[in-house]
Amino acid sequence: MSSFTYHSLPGFGEQCCEEYGFSDACIIGDRIIVTGQTGMNPITLQTSADIGEQVAQAFENINNLIVHALGKEGHPAHHEGKSGWEHVVKLHAYFVGLSSIRDQARALMVRSIKQWCPNHQPLFTMVGIESLPFPEHHVELEVFVQARMVRFVTNESAS
């Protein structure tokens, strides 16, 4: 049976762990469950009012968190020199007021997925929500990570 190990990014992640009692990531064997990451810079605690900048920061936060957690564990995937996003299998994006920014949000997500996941196409769900815990946050991303990428043999790759 796998044991659970929990990790948080320095700055706001560690603050949440201490003040609110939750961590940023949990490693279970070769899987990592990542809590929602917003567009807030975890060190400066600043959040841009621009939705594009929030999406970019949230993607960076996810990357840094995965790399941080794998590094703390000395996980073999950390030594492969890949970005954290290379290991992302599924992405959920939550947008405040999605109905009024649907096209812009979709375009931002597609651009960021292509940037951060150039070698694979993770599963993706985008959902509109009423609000997030901090009023200046308008996007939150959470991911499911498989730290050991498995190659599946398909009919195309077998030929």
N, C-alpha and C. Protein backbone atom coordinates (compact mmCIF):
# COMPACT_ATOMS: atom_id res chain seq x y z
N MET A 1 0.84 -1.18 0.00
CA MET A 1 0.00 0.00 0.00
C MET A 1 0.88 1.24 0.00
N SER A 2 0.57 2.19 -0.86
CA SER A 2 1.33 3.42 -0.95
C SER A 2 1.03 4.33 0.23
N SER A 3 2.07 5.04 0.66
CA SER A 3 1.86 6.02 1.71
C SER A 3 1.65 7.39 1.05
N PHE A 4 1.04 8.29 1.77
CA PHE A 4 0.78 9.63 1.27
C PHE A 4 1.88 10.55 1.78
N THR A 5 2.40 11.41 0.92
CA THR A 5 3.30 12.47 1.36
C THR A 5 2.75 13.77 0.81
N TYR A 6 2.79 14.81 1.62
CA TYR A 6 2.19 16.09 1.28
C TYR A 6 3.27 17.15 1.12
N HIS A 7 3.02 18.08 0.19
CA HIS A 7 3.98 19.14 -0.08
C HIS A 7 3.23 20.43 -0.37
N SER A 8 3.90 21.54 -0.06
CA SER A 8 3.37 22.87 -0.38
C SER A 8 4.50 23.73 -0.90
N LEU A 9 4.16 24.64 -1.79
CA LEU A 9 5.15 25.58 -2.30
C LEU A 9 5.53 26.57 -1.20
N PRO A 10 6.76 27.04 -1.24
CA PRO A 10 7.15 28.12 -0.31
C PRO A 10 6.24 29.32 -0.53
N GLY A 11 6.08 30.10 0.52
CA GLY A 11 5.23 31.29 0.43
C GLY A 11 3.80 30.96 0.81
N PHE A 12 2.86 31.29 -0.09
CA PHE A 12 1.44 31.13 0.20
C PHE A 12 1.06 29.68 0.48
N GLY A 13 1.69 28.73 -0.23
CA GLY A 13 1.40 27.31 0.00
C GLY A 13 1.70 26.89 1.43
N GLU A 14 2.87 27.28 1.92
CA GLU A 14 3.22 26.97 3.31
C GLU A 14 2.30 27.71 4.28
N GLN A 15 1.93 28.94 3.95
CA GLN A 15 1.02 29.72 4.78
C GLN A 15 -0.34 29.01 4.89
N CYS A 16 -0.85 28.50 3.77
CA CYS A 16 -2.13 27.78 3.78
C CYS A 16 -2.05 26.53 4.63
N CYS A 17 -0.92 25.86 4.54
CA CYS A 17 -0.72 24.64 5.32
C CYS A 17 -0.81 24.97 6.82
N GLU A 18 -0.13 26.03 7.23
CA GLU A 18 -0.11 26.41 8.63
C GLU A 18 -1.44 27.00 9.10
N GLU A 19 -2.00 27.93 8.32
CA GLU A 19 -3.20 28.64 8.75
C GLU A 19 -4.51 27.89 8.51
N TYR A 20 -4.59 27.19 7.38
CA TYR A 20 -5.85 26.58 6.99
C TYR A 20 -5.85 25.06 7.06
N GLY A 21 -4.68 24.45 7.23
CA GLY A 21 -4.61 23.01 7.40
C GLY A 21 -4.69 22.18 6.13
N PHE A 22 -4.32 22.75 4.97
CA PHE A 22 -4.29 21.94 3.75
C PHE A 22 -2.99 22.15 3.00
N SER A 23 -2.62 21.14 2.23
CA SER A 23 -1.39 21.15 1.45
C SER A 23 -1.70 21.41 -0.01
N ASP A 24 -0.65 21.68 -0.79
CA ASP A 24 -0.78 21.93 -2.22
C ASP A 24 -0.81 20.65 -3.05
N ALA A 25 -0.09 19.63 -2.59
CA ALA A 25 0.04 18.41 -3.40
C ALA A 25 0.20 17.20 -2.50
N CYS A 26 -0.28 16.07 -3.01
CA CYS A 26 -0.12 14.80 -2.30
C CYS A 26 0.42 13.78 -3.29
N ILE A 27 1.54 13.16 -2.93
CA ILE A 27 2.12 12.11 -3.76
C ILE A 27 1.67 10.77 -3.21
N ILE A 28 1.14 9.95 -4.11
CA ILE A 28 0.71 8.59 -3.78
C ILE A 28 1.35 7.69 -4.82
N GLY A 29 2.49 7.09 -4.48
CA GLY A 29 3.21 6.28 -5.46
C GLY A 29 3.69 7.14 -6.61
N ASP A 30 3.27 6.83 -7.83
CA ASP A 30 3.65 7.60 -9.02
C ASP A 30 2.61 8.64 -9.39
N ARG A 31 1.61 8.83 -8.55
CA ARG A 31 0.56 9.82 -8.83
C ARG A 31 0.70 11.01 -7.91
N ILE A 32 0.33 12.16 -8.44
CA ILE A 32 0.30 13.39 -7.63
C ILE A 32 -1.07 14.02 -7.84
N ILE A 33 -1.72 14.32 -6.74
CA ILE A 33 -2.96 15.07 -6.77
C ILE A 33 -2.60 16.50 -6.36
N VAL A 34 -2.97 17.46 -7.19
CA VAL A 34 -2.60 18.85 -6.96
C VAL A 34 -3.86 19.66 -6.66
N THR A 35 -3.83 20.40 -5.56
CA THR A 35 -4.95 21.26 -5.22
C THR A 35 -5.01 22.43 -6.19
N GLY A 36 -6.12 23.12 -6.21
CA GLY A 36 -6.28 24.23 -7.13
C GLY A 36 -5.22 25.30 -6.95
N GLN A 37 -4.67 25.73 -8.06
CA GLN A 37 -3.69 26.82 -8.07
C GLN A 37 -4.29 27.99 -8.83
N THR A 38 -4.21 29.15 -8.24
CA THR A 38 -4.77 30.35 -8.84
C THR A 38 -3.69 31.16 -9.54
N GLY A 39 -4.07 32.34 -9.99
CA GLY A 39 -3.14 33.24 -10.64
C GLY A 39 -2.39 34.14 -9.70
N MET A 40 -2.32 33.77 -8.42
CA MET A 40 -1.57 34.56 -7.45
C MET A 40 -0.12 34.12 -7.43
N ASN A 41 0.79 35.08 -7.42
CA ASN A 41 2.20 34.76 -7.23
C ASN A 41 2.35 34.29 -5.78
N PRO A 42 2.83 33.06 -5.55
CA PRO A 42 2.86 32.53 -4.18
C PRO A 42 3.86 33.21 -3.25
N ILE A 43 4.83 33.93 -3.80
CA ILE A 43 5.83 34.62 -2.97
C ILE A 43 5.40 36.05 -2.67
N THR A 44 5.00 36.80 -3.71
CA THR A 44 4.62 38.20 -3.50
C THR A 44 3.17 38.35 -3.04
N LEU A 45 2.37 37.30 -3.24
CA LEU A 45 0.93 37.29 -2.92
C LEU A 45 0.15 38.28 -3.78
N GLN A 46 0.72 38.68 -4.91
CA GLN A 46 0.07 39.61 -5.83
C GLN A 46 -0.69 38.82 -6.90
N THR A 47 -1.86 39.34 -7.28
CA THR A 47 -2.67 38.76 -8.34
C THR A 47 -2.98 39.87 -9.34
N SER A 48 -2.62 39.64 -10.58
CA SER A 48 -2.92 40.60 -11.64
C SER A 48 -4.42 40.66 -11.86
N ALA A 49 -4.91 41.82 -12.25
CA ALA A 49 -6.33 41.96 -12.61
C ALA A 49 -6.59 41.37 -14.00
N ASP A 50 -5.53 41.17 -14.79
CA ASP A 50 -5.65 40.66 -16.16
C ASP A 50 -5.83 39.14 -16.15
N ILE A 51 -6.91 38.65 -16.78
CA ILE A 51 -7.20 37.21 -16.77
C ILE A 51 -6.11 36.41 -17.47
N GLY A 52 -5.52 36.96 -18.53
CA GLY A 52 -4.43 36.27 -19.22
C GLY A 52 -3.23 36.07 -18.32
N GLU A 53 -2.90 37.09 -17.53
CA GLU A 53 -1.78 36.98 -16.59
C GLU A 53 -2.11 36.00 -15.47
N GLN A 54 -3.38 35.96 -15.04
CA GLN A 54 -3.77 34.99 -14.01
C GLN A 54 -3.62 33.57 -14.53
N VAL A 55 -4.05 33.31 -15.77
CA VAL A 55 -3.91 31.97 -16.35
C VAL A 55 -2.44 31.60 -16.45
N ALA A 56 -1.61 32.52 -16.95
CA ALA A 56 -0.17 32.25 -17.08
C ALA A 56 0.45 31.93 -15.72
N GLN A 57 0.11 32.69 -14.70
CA GLN A 57 0.65 32.46 -13.35
C GLN A 57 0.17 31.13 -12.79
N ALA A 58 -1.09 30.79 -13.01
CA ALA A 58 -1.62 29.51 -12.51
C ALA A 58 -0.89 28.33 -13.16
N PHE A 59 -0.64 28.41 -14.47
CA PHE A 59 0.13 27.35 -15.14
C PHE A 59 1.54 27.26 -14.56
N GLU A 60 2.17 28.39 -14.32
CA GLU A 60 3.51 28.39 -13.73
C GLU A 60 3.48 27.81 -12.32
N ASN A 61 2.46 28.17 -11.55
CA ASN A 61 2.34 27.64 -10.19
C ASN A 61 2.21 26.12 -10.20
N ILE A 62 1.40 25.59 -11.12
CA ILE A 62 1.25 24.13 -11.24
C ILE A 62 2.60 23.49 -11.55
N ASN A 63 3.30 24.05 -12.54
CA ASN A 63 4.60 23.51 -12.92
C ASN A 63 5.55 23.49 -11.72
N ASN A 64 5.68 24.64 -11.05
CA ASN A 64 6.59 24.75 -9.92
C ASN A 64 6.22 23.80 -8.80
N LEU A 65 4.95 23.60 -8.56
CA LEU A 65 4.51 22.71 -7.50
C LEU A 65 4.86 21.25 -7.82
N ILE A 66 4.62 20.82 -9.04
CA ILE A 66 4.95 19.44 -9.41
C ILE A 66 6.45 19.20 -9.30
N VAL A 67 7.24 20.12 -9.86
CA VAL A 67 8.70 19.98 -9.81
C VAL A 67 9.18 19.99 -8.35
N HIS A 68 8.62 20.88 -7.54
CA HIS A 68 8.98 20.97 -6.12
C HIS A 68 8.68 19.66 -5.39
N ALA A 69 7.46 19.14 -5.57
CA ALA A 69 7.07 17.91 -4.87
C ALA A 69 7.93 16.72 -5.30
N LEU A 70 8.16 16.57 -6.60
CA LEU A 70 9.00 15.48 -7.09
C LEU A 70 10.42 15.60 -6.56
N GLY A 71 10.93 16.83 -6.52
CA GLY A 71 12.29 17.06 -6.01
C GLY A 71 12.41 16.74 -4.54
N LYS A 72 11.43 17.15 -3.75
CA LYS A 72 11.45 16.89 -2.30
C LYS A 72 11.44 15.39 -2.01
N GLU A 73 10.77 14.63 -2.87
CA GLU A 73 10.68 13.18 -2.69
C GLU A 73 11.86 12.44 -3.29
N GLY A 74 12.70 13.15 -4.06
CA GLY A 74 13.78 12.48 -4.77
C GLY A 74 13.23 11.50 -5.79
N HIS A 75 12.04 11.80 -6.30
CA HIS A 75 11.36 10.91 -7.25
C HIS A 75 12.16 10.83 -8.54
N PRO A 76 12.29 9.63 -9.13
CA PRO A 76 13.04 9.49 -10.38
C PRO A 76 12.57 10.43 -11.49
N ALA A 77 11.29 10.75 -11.54
CA ALA A 77 10.78 11.65 -12.58
C ALA A 77 11.39 13.04 -12.47
N HIS A 78 11.82 13.42 -11.27
CA HIS A 78 12.43 14.74 -11.08
C HIS A 78 13.76 14.83 -11.82
N HIS A 79 14.44 13.73 -11.96
CA HIS A 79 15.76 13.71 -12.58
C HIS A 79 15.70 13.58 -14.09
N GLU A 80 14.50 13.51 -14.67
CA GLU A 80 14.36 13.39 -16.11
C GLU A 80 14.50 14.73 -16.82
N GLY A 81 14.53 15.82 -16.06
CA GLY A 81 14.69 17.14 -16.65
C GLY A 81 13.47 17.66 -17.39
N LYS A 82 12.31 17.10 -17.13
CA LYS A 82 11.08 17.54 -17.79
C LYS A 82 10.40 18.62 -16.96
N SER A 83 9.52 19.37 -17.60
CA SER A 83 8.70 20.30 -16.84
C SER A 83 7.66 19.48 -16.07
N GLY A 84 7.08 20.08 -15.07
CA GLY A 84 6.02 19.40 -14.33
C GLY A 84 4.84 19.05 -15.22
N TRP A 85 4.57 19.91 -16.20
CA TRP A 85 3.43 19.69 -17.10
C TRP A 85 3.61 18.48 -17.99
N GLU A 86 4.82 18.00 -18.18
CA GLU A 86 5.04 16.79 -18.97
C GLU A 86 4.36 15.58 -18.33
N HIS A 87 4.06 15.67 -17.05
CA HIS A 87 3.47 14.56 -16.31
C HIS A 87 1.97 14.72 -16.08
N VAL A 88 1.39 15.83 -16.53
CA VAL A 88 -0.03 16.10 -16.29
C VAL A 88 -0.89 15.24 -17.22
N VAL A 89 -1.84 14.53 -16.61
CA VAL A 89 -2.75 13.66 -17.35
C VAL A 89 -4.10 14.35 -17.54
N LYS A 90 -4.57 15.06 -16.51
CA LYS A 90 -5.89 15.69 -16.57
C LYS A 90 -5.82 17.07 -15.94
N LEU A 91 -6.50 18.01 -16.57
CA LEU A 91 -6.54 19.40 -16.13
C LEU A 91 -7.99 19.84 -15.99
N HIS A 92 -8.31 20.43 -14.84
CA HIS A 92 -9.61 21.08 -14.63
C HIS A 92 -9.34 22.57 -14.48
N ALA A 93 -10.09 23.39 -15.19
CA ALA A 93 -9.99 24.85 -15.06
C ALA A 93 -11.34 25.39 -14.62
N TYR A 94 -11.31 26.21 -13.59
CA TYR A 94 -12.52 26.82 -13.06
C TYR A 94 -12.40 28.33 -13.27
N PHE A 95 -13.38 28.92 -13.98
CA PHE A 95 -13.37 30.35 -14.26
C PHE A 95 -14.58 31.01 -13.63
N VAL A 96 -14.34 32.10 -12.91
CA VAL A 96 -15.43 32.92 -12.38
C VAL A 96 -16.03 33.68 -13.56
N GLY A 97 -17.36 33.61 -13.70
CA GLY A 97 -18.05 34.34 -14.76
C GLY A 97 -17.71 33.86 -16.16
N LEU A 98 -17.56 32.56 -16.32
CA LEU A 98 -17.13 32.00 -17.60
C LEU A 98 -18.04 32.43 -18.76
N SER A 99 -19.33 32.51 -18.54
CA SER A 99 -20.24 32.81 -19.65
C SER A 99 -19.92 34.15 -20.33
N SER A 100 -19.34 35.10 -19.60
CA SER A 100 -19.03 36.40 -20.21
C SER A 100 -17.63 36.46 -20.82
N ILE A 101 -16.79 35.45 -20.55
CA ILE A 101 -15.42 35.46 -21.11
C ILE A 101 -15.09 34.12 -21.78
N ARG A 102 -16.10 33.37 -22.15
CA ARG A 102 -15.92 32.00 -22.66
C ARG A 102 -14.87 31.89 -23.76
N ASP A 103 -14.99 32.69 -24.81
CA ASP A 103 -14.06 32.60 -25.94
C ASP A 103 -12.64 32.97 -25.53
N GLN A 104 -12.51 34.03 -24.75
CA GLN A 104 -11.20 34.46 -24.27
C GLN A 104 -10.58 33.39 -23.37
N ALA A 105 -11.36 32.84 -22.45
CA ALA A 105 -10.86 31.82 -21.53
C ALA A 105 -10.41 30.57 -22.30
N ARG A 106 -11.23 30.15 -23.26
CA ARG A 106 -10.87 28.97 -24.06
C ARG A 106 -9.56 29.21 -24.81
N ALA A 107 -9.43 30.39 -25.43
CA ALA A 107 -8.22 30.71 -26.19
C ALA A 107 -6.99 30.74 -25.27
N LEU A 108 -7.14 31.32 -24.09
CA LEU A 108 -6.03 31.37 -23.13
C LEU A 108 -5.61 29.96 -22.69
N MET A 109 -6.60 29.12 -22.44
CA MET A 109 -6.30 27.75 -22.00
C MET A 109 -5.64 26.95 -23.12
N VAL A 110 -6.17 27.05 -24.33
CA VAL A 110 -5.59 26.31 -25.46
C VAL A 110 -4.14 26.74 -25.67
N ARG A 111 -3.91 28.05 -25.67
CA ARG A 111 -2.53 28.56 -25.86
C ARG A 111 -1.60 28.03 -24.76
N SER A 112 -2.05 28.07 -23.52
CA SER A 112 -1.20 27.62 -22.41
C SER A 112 -0.98 26.12 -22.44
N ILE A 113 -2.00 25.35 -22.77
CA ILE A 113 -1.83 23.90 -22.86
C ILE A 113 -0.81 23.57 -23.94
N LYS A 114 -0.92 24.21 -25.10
CA LYS A 114 0.03 23.95 -26.17
C LYS A 114 1.45 24.36 -25.78
N GLN A 115 1.57 25.44 -25.03
CA GLN A 115 2.89 25.91 -24.58
C GLN A 115 3.50 24.95 -23.57
N TRP A 116 2.73 24.57 -22.56
CA TRP A 116 3.27 23.77 -21.47
C TRP A 116 3.25 22.26 -21.74
N CYS A 117 2.44 21.80 -22.68
CA CYS A 117 2.32 20.36 -22.98
C CYS A 117 2.57 20.13 -24.48
N PRO A 118 3.76 20.47 -24.97
CA PRO A 118 3.99 20.36 -26.42
C PRO A 118 4.07 18.91 -26.92
N ASN A 119 4.30 17.96 -26.00
CA ASN A 119 4.50 16.57 -26.42
C ASN A 119 3.33 15.64 -26.12
N HIS A 120 2.28 16.18 -25.52
CA HIS A 120 1.10 15.35 -25.25
C HIS A 120 -0.13 16.26 -25.10
N GLN A 121 -1.28 15.64 -25.08
CA GLN A 121 -2.53 16.38 -24.96
C GLN A 121 -3.29 15.86 -23.74
N PRO A 122 -3.17 16.57 -22.59
CA PRO A 122 -3.88 16.10 -21.40
C PRO A 122 -5.39 16.21 -21.55
N LEU A 123 -6.10 15.44 -20.78
CA LEU A 123 -7.55 15.58 -20.71
C LEU A 123 -7.84 16.97 -20.13
N PHE A 124 -8.94 17.58 -20.55
CA PHE A 124 -9.19 18.96 -20.14
C PHE A 124 -10.68 19.20 -19.94
N THR A 125 -11.01 19.83 -18.81
CA THR A 125 -12.37 20.26 -18.51
C THR A 125 -12.32 21.70 -18.04
N MET A 126 -13.22 22.54 -18.58
CA MET A 126 -13.32 23.94 -18.18
C MET A 126 -14.73 24.18 -17.68
N VAL A 127 -14.84 24.76 -16.49
CA VAL A 127 -16.13 24.94 -15.83
C VAL A 127 -16.28 26.38 -15.35
N GLY A 128 -17.48 26.92 -15.49
CA GLY A 128 -17.78 28.24 -14.95
C GLY A 128 -18.29 28.11 -13.53
N ILE A 129 -17.82 29.00 -12.67
CA ILE A 129 -18.22 28.99 -11.26
C ILE A 129 -18.63 30.40 -10.84
N GLU A 130 -19.30 30.47 -9.70
CA GLU A 130 -19.77 31.76 -9.19
C GLU A 130 -18.64 32.59 -8.60
N SER A 131 -17.77 31.96 -7.79
CA SER A 131 -16.70 32.72 -7.15
C SER A 131 -15.62 31.77 -6.64
N LEU A 132 -14.50 32.36 -6.23
CA LEU A 132 -13.40 31.65 -5.58
C LEU A 132 -13.21 32.28 -4.20
N PRO A 133 -12.45 31.64 -3.32
CA PRO A 133 -12.33 32.14 -1.95
C PRO A 133 -11.76 33.55 -1.81
N PHE A 134 -10.93 33.98 -2.76
CA PHE A 134 -10.39 35.33 -2.72
C PHE A 134 -10.97 36.09 -3.90
N PRO A 135 -11.59 37.24 -3.69
CA PRO A 135 -12.34 37.93 -4.75
C PRO A 135 -11.50 38.35 -5.95
N GLU A 136 -10.21 38.55 -5.79
CA GLU A 136 -9.37 38.96 -6.91
C GLU A 136 -8.99 37.80 -7.83
N HIS A 137 -9.27 36.58 -7.41
CA HIS A 137 -8.95 35.39 -8.21
C HIS A 137 -10.11 35.06 -9.15
N HIS A 138 -9.79 34.88 -10.43
CA HIS A 138 -10.82 34.60 -11.42
C HIS A 138 -10.61 33.28 -12.14
N VAL A 139 -9.52 32.58 -11.83
CA VAL A 139 -9.26 31.27 -12.42
C VAL A 139 -8.53 30.40 -11.40
N GLU A 140 -8.87 29.12 -11.41
CA GLU A 140 -8.18 28.15 -10.58
C GLU A 140 -8.00 26.88 -11.40
N LEU A 141 -6.79 26.33 -11.36
CA LEU A 141 -6.47 25.10 -12.08
C LEU A 141 -6.13 24.00 -11.09
N GLU A 142 -6.58 22.79 -11.39
CA GLU A 142 -6.14 21.63 -10.62
C GLU A 142 -5.82 20.53 -11.60
N VAL A 143 -4.84 19.69 -11.24
CA VAL A 143 -4.39 18.66 -12.17
C VAL A 143 -4.23 17.32 -11.47
N PHE A 144 -4.28 16.29 -12.29
CA PHE A 144 -3.94 14.93 -11.89
C PHE A 144 -2.66 14.59 -12.63
N VAL A 145 -1.67 14.10 -11.91
CA VAL A 145 -0.34 13.87 -12.47
C VAL A 145 0.04 12.41 -12.34
N GLN A 146 0.60 11.87 -13.39
CA GLN A 146 1.22 10.55 -13.37
C GLN A 146 2.70 10.80 -13.57
N ALA A 147 3.49 10.59 -12.52
CA ALA A 147 4.90 10.96 -12.56
C ALA A 147 5.75 10.03 -13.39
N ARG A 148 5.24 8.89 -13.73
CA ARG A 148 5.97 7.99 -14.61
C ARG A 148 5.11 7.82 -15.85
N MET A 149 5.51 8.49 -16.92
CA MET A 149 4.72 8.43 -18.15
C MET A 149 4.82 7.02 -18.72
N VAL A 150 3.69 6.47 -19.06
CA VAL A 150 3.62 5.13 -19.62
C VAL A 150 3.28 5.27 -21.09
N ARG A 151 4.02 4.61 -21.95
CA ARG A 151 3.72 4.62 -23.38
C ARG A 151 2.80 3.46 -23.69
N PHE A 152 1.66 3.78 -24.29
CA PHE A 152 0.72 2.75 -24.69
C PHE A 152 0.97 2.39 -26.14
N VAL A 153 0.93 1.12 -26.45
CA VAL A 153 1.10 0.68 -27.82
C VAL A 153 -0.26 0.73 -28.50
N THR A 154 -0.33 1.49 -29.58
CA THR A 154 -1.56 1.58 -30.34
C THR A 154 -1.35 0.89 -31.67
N ASN A 155 -2.40 0.72 -32.44
CA ASN A 155 -2.26 0.12 -33.76
C ASN A 155 -1.33 0.95 -34.64
N GLU A 156 -1.39 2.29 -34.50
CA GLU A 156 -0.51 3.15 -35.29
C GLU A 156 0.95 2.96 -34.91
N SER A 157 1.25 2.94 -33.59
CA SER A 157 2.64 2.84 -33.17
C SER A 157 3.18 1.44 -33.35
N ALA A 158 2.32 0.44 -33.43
CA ALA A 158 2.79 -0.94 -33.60
C ALA A 158 3.16 -1.22 -35.05
N SER A 159 2.66 -0.42 -36.00
CA SER A 159 2.96 -0.71 -37.40
C SER A 159 4.28 -0.13 -37.84
